[in-house]
C-alpha atoms as a PDB file:
ATOM      1  CA  UNK A   1     165.691  40.454 116.970  1.00  0.00           C
ATOM      2  CA  UNK A   2     166.644  42.430 120.052  1.00  0.00           C
ATOM      3  CA  UNK A   3     170.099  41.893 121.468  1.00  0.00           C
ATOM      4  CA  UNK A   4     171.034  42.093 125.098  1.00  0.00           C
ATOM      5  CA  UNK A   5     173.303  45.068 125.587  1.00  0.00           C
ATOM      6  CA  UNK A   6     176.314  44.415 127.733  1.00  0.00           C
ATOM      7  CA  UNK A   7     177.885  47.043 129.924  1.00  0.00           C
ATOM      8  CA  UNK A   8     181.458  48.217 130.003  1.00  0.00           C
ATOM      9  CA  UNK A   9     182.592  45.821 132.764  1.00  0.00           C
ATOM     10  CA  UNK A  10     180.813  42.850 131.205  1.00  0.00           C
ATOM     11  CA  UNK A  11     182.463  43.606 127.858  1.00  0.00           C
ATOM     12  CA  UNK A  12     185.881  43.808 129.517  1.00  0.00           C
ATOM     13  CA  UNK A  13     185.310  40.496 131.270  1.00  0.00           C
ATOM     14  CA  UNK A  14     184.248  38.759 128.043  1.00  0.00           C
ATOM     15  CA  UNK A  15     187.071  40.233 125.975  1.00  0.00           C
ATOM     16  CA  UNK A  16     189.595  39.316 128.652  1.00  0.00           C
ATOM     17  CA  UNK A  17     188.362  35.716 128.620  1.00  0.00           C
ATOM     18  CA  UNK A  18     188.772  35.545 124.834  1.00  0.00           C
ATOM     19  CA  UNK A  19     192.265  37.071 124.864  1.00  0.00           C
ATOM     20  CA  UNK A  20     194.037  33.720 125.022  1.00  0.00           C
ATOM     21  CA  UNK A  21     194.522  31.258 122.166  1.00  0.00           C
ATOM     22  CA  UNK A  22     193.096  28.111 123.797  1.00  0.00           C
ATOM     23  CA  UNK A  23     190.058  29.918 125.205  1.00  0.00           C
ATOM     24  CA  UNK A  24     189.340  31.510 121.840  1.00  0.00           C
ATOM     25  CA  UNK A  25     189.552  28.060 120.201  1.00  0.00           C
ATOM     26  CA  UNK A  26     187.206  26.577 122.813  1.00  0.00           C
ATOM     27  CA  UNK A  27     184.702  29.385 122.357  1.00  0.00           C
ATOM     28  CA  UNK A  28     184.790  29.111 118.553  1.00  0.00           C
ATOM     29  CA  UNK A  29     184.272  25.335 118.791  1.00  0.00           C
ATOM     30  CA  UNK A  30     181.266  25.850 121.081  1.00  0.00           C
ATOM     31  CA  UNK A  31     179.825  28.449 118.702  1.00  0.00           C
ATOM     32  CA  UNK A  32     180.131  25.880 115.894  1.00  0.00           C
ATOM     33  CA  UNK A  33     178.461  23.226 118.068  1.00  0.00           C
ATOM     34  CA  UNK A  34     175.395  25.423 118.476  1.00  0.00           C
ATOM     35  CA  UNK A  35     172.849  25.295 121.273  1.00  0.00           C
ATOM     36  CA  UNK A  36     173.382  21.571 121.932  1.00  0.00           C
ATOM     37  CA  UNK A  37     176.964  22.225 123.047  1.00  0.00           C
ATOM     38  CA  UNK A  38     179.632  19.628 123.780  1.00  0.00           C
ATOM     39  CA  UNK A  39     180.805  17.626 126.771  1.00  0.00           C
ATOM     40  CA  UNK A  40     184.182  18.607 128.212  1.00  0.00           C
ATOM     41  CA  UNK A  41     185.762  15.335 127.064  1.00  0.00           C
ATOM     42  CA  UNK A  42     184.836  16.002 123.440  1.00  0.00           C
ATOM     43  CA  UNK A  43     186.217  19.535 123.631  1.00  0.00           C
ATOM     44  CA  UNK A  44     189.487  18.226 125.075  1.00  0.00           C
ATOM     45  CA  UNK A  45     189.826  15.550 122.368  1.00  0.00           C
ATOM     46  CA  UNK A  46     188.985  17.850 119.454  1.00  0.00           C
ATOM     47  CA  UNK A  47     191.328  20.613 120.561  1.00  0.00           C
ATOM     48  CA  UNK A  48     193.988  18.340 122.106  1.00  0.00           C
ATOM     49  CA  UNK A  49     193.899  20.218 125.409  1.00  0.00           C
ATOM     50  CA  UNK A  50     194.668  18.332 128.663  1.00  0.00           C
ATOM     51  CA  UNK A  51     191.658  18.028 130.962  1.00  0.00           C
ATOM     52  CA  UNK A  52     193.262  20.087 133.747  1.00  0.00           C
ATOM     53  CA  UNK A  53     194.041  22.946 131.350  1.00  0.00           C
ATOM     54  CA  UNK A  54     190.611  22.731 129.749  1.00  0.00           C
ATOM     55  CA  UNK A  55     188.920  23.043 133.136  1.00  0.00           C
ATOM     56  CA  UNK A  56     190.867  26.252 133.792  1.00  0.00           C
ATOM     57  CA  UNK A  57     189.903  27.672 130.376  1.00  0.00           C
ATOM     58  CA  UNK A  58     186.235  26.718 130.717  1.00  0.00           C
ATOM     59  CA  UNK A  59     186.108  28.376 134.124  1.00  0.00           C
ATOM     60  CA  UNK A  60     187.618  31.546 132.672  1.00  0.00           C
ATOM     61  CA  UNK A  61     185.094  31.601 129.808  1.00  0.00           C
ATOM     62  CA  UNK A  62     182.256  31.064 132.299  1.00  0.00           C
ATOM     63  CA  UNK A  63     183.490  33.986 134.406  1.00  0.00           C
ATOM     64  CA  UNK A  64     183.461  36.069 131.214  1.00  0.00           C
ATOM     65  CA  UNK A  65     179.792  35.030 130.765  1.00  0.00           C
ATOM     66  CA  UNK A  66     180.606  33.510 127.365  1.00  0.00           C
ATOM     67  CA  UNK A  67     179.595  29.908 128.047  1.00  0.00           C
ATOM     68  CA  UNK A  68     176.864  28.022 129.870  1.00  0.00           C
ATOM     69  CA  UNK A  69     177.113  24.599 131.466  1.00  0.00           C
ATOM     70  CA  UNK A  70     174.422  21.999 132.042  1.00  0.00           C
ATOM     71  CA  UNK A  71     174.772  18.703 133.875  1.00  0.00           C
ATOM     72  CA  UNK A  72     173.500  15.673 131.970  1.00  0.00           C
ATOM     73  CA  UNK A  73     174.005  12.574 134.057  1.00  0.00           C
ATOM     74  CA  UNK A  74     177.708  12.388 134.842  1.00  0.00           C
ATOM     75  CA  UNK A  75     178.678  14.771 132.046  1.00  0.00           C
ATOM     76  CA  UNK A  76     178.733  18.536 131.943  1.00  0.00           C
ATOM     77  CA  UNK A  77     177.692  19.971 128.600  1.00  0.00           C
ATOM     78  CA  UNK A  78     179.180  23.343 127.672  1.00  0.00           C
ATOM     79  CA  UNK A  79     177.595  25.686 125.156  1.00  0.00           C
ATOM     80  CA  UNK A  80     178.238  29.202 123.921  1.00  0.00           C
ATOM     81  CA  UNK A  81     176.198  31.954 125.549  1.00  0.00           C
ATOM     82  CA  UNK A  82     174.826  33.448 122.337  1.00  0.00           C
ATOM     83  CA  UNK A  83     172.998  36.259 124.148  1.00  0.00           C
ATOM     84  CA  UNK A  84     176.274  37.469 125.665  1.00  0.00           C
ATOM     85  CA  UNK A  85     178.069  37.102 122.324  1.00  0.00           C
ATOM     86  CA  UNK A  86     175.419  39.159 120.506  1.00  0.00           C
ATOM     87  CA  UNK A  87     175.457  41.756 123.269  1.00  0.00           C
ATOM     88  CA  UNK A  88     179.243  42.002 123.112  1.00  0.00           C
ATOM     89  CA  UNK A  89     179.199  42.503 119.341  1.00  0.00           C
ATOM     90  CA  UNK A  90     176.468  45.137 119.716  1.00  0.00           C
ATOM     91  CA  UNK A  91     178.549  46.875 122.389  1.00  0.00           C
ATOM     92  CA  UNK A  92     181.618  46.897 120.138  1.00  0.00           C
ATOM     93  CA  UNK A  93     179.658  48.270 117.172  1.00  0.00           C
ATOM     94  CA  UNK A  94     177.569  50.731 119.167  1.00  0.00           C
ATOM     95  CA  UNK A  95     179.443  53.853 118.064  1.00  0.00           C
ATOM     96  CA  UNK A  96     181.011  52.525 114.912  1.00  0.00           C
ATOM     97  CA  UNK A  97     181.488  54.107 111.523  1.00  0.00           C
ATOM     98  CA  UNK A  98     179.945  57.520 112.241  1.00  0.00           C
ATOM     99  CA  UNK A  99     176.521  55.867 112.429  1.00  0.00           C
ATOM    100  CA  UNK A 100     176.903  54.213 109.011  1.00  0.00           C
ATOM    101  CA  UNK A 101     178.054  50.736 110.025  1.00  0.00           C
ATOM    102  CA  UNK A 102     174.722  49.004 109.432  1.00  0.00           C
ATOM    103  CA  UNK A 103     175.180  48.375 105.714  1.00  0.00           C
ATOM    104  CA  UNK A 104     178.974  48.366 105.659  1.00  0.00           C
ATOM    105  CA  UNK A 105     179.646  45.739 108.333  1.00  0.00           C
ATOM    106  CA  UNK A 106     177.167  43.189 106.982  1.00  0.00           C
ATOM    107  CA  UNK A 107     178.862  42.997 103.619  1.00  0.00           C
ATOM    108  CA  UNK A 108     182.470  43.594 104.646  1.00  0.00           C
ATOM    109  CA  UNK A 109     184.867  40.697 104.504  1.00  0.00           C
ATOM    110  CA  UNK A 110     187.794  40.671 106.872  1.00  0.00           C
END
């Protein structure tokens, strides 16, 4: 599987979006939800985030290219942008471990 490489500015934007507790929780929830995603109301209920705050966080994650949104009727469904996530991880591991990270990072537990 080929991953999309992200550039320096794209990585900074994504990492900046994740550098806040509520946004990180939202992103992790959307990763768990998979490709089908979740409507904003469900995200708000599950994470107990007020709708106005959630809107701000979703917008920030979208600007960081970490989530996608799709309108379904009157609802907007949010899902994780897995291509961006894979590209970000690849970017972070690009120069890791003196070229020996392939085997070590797959089995390492953090």
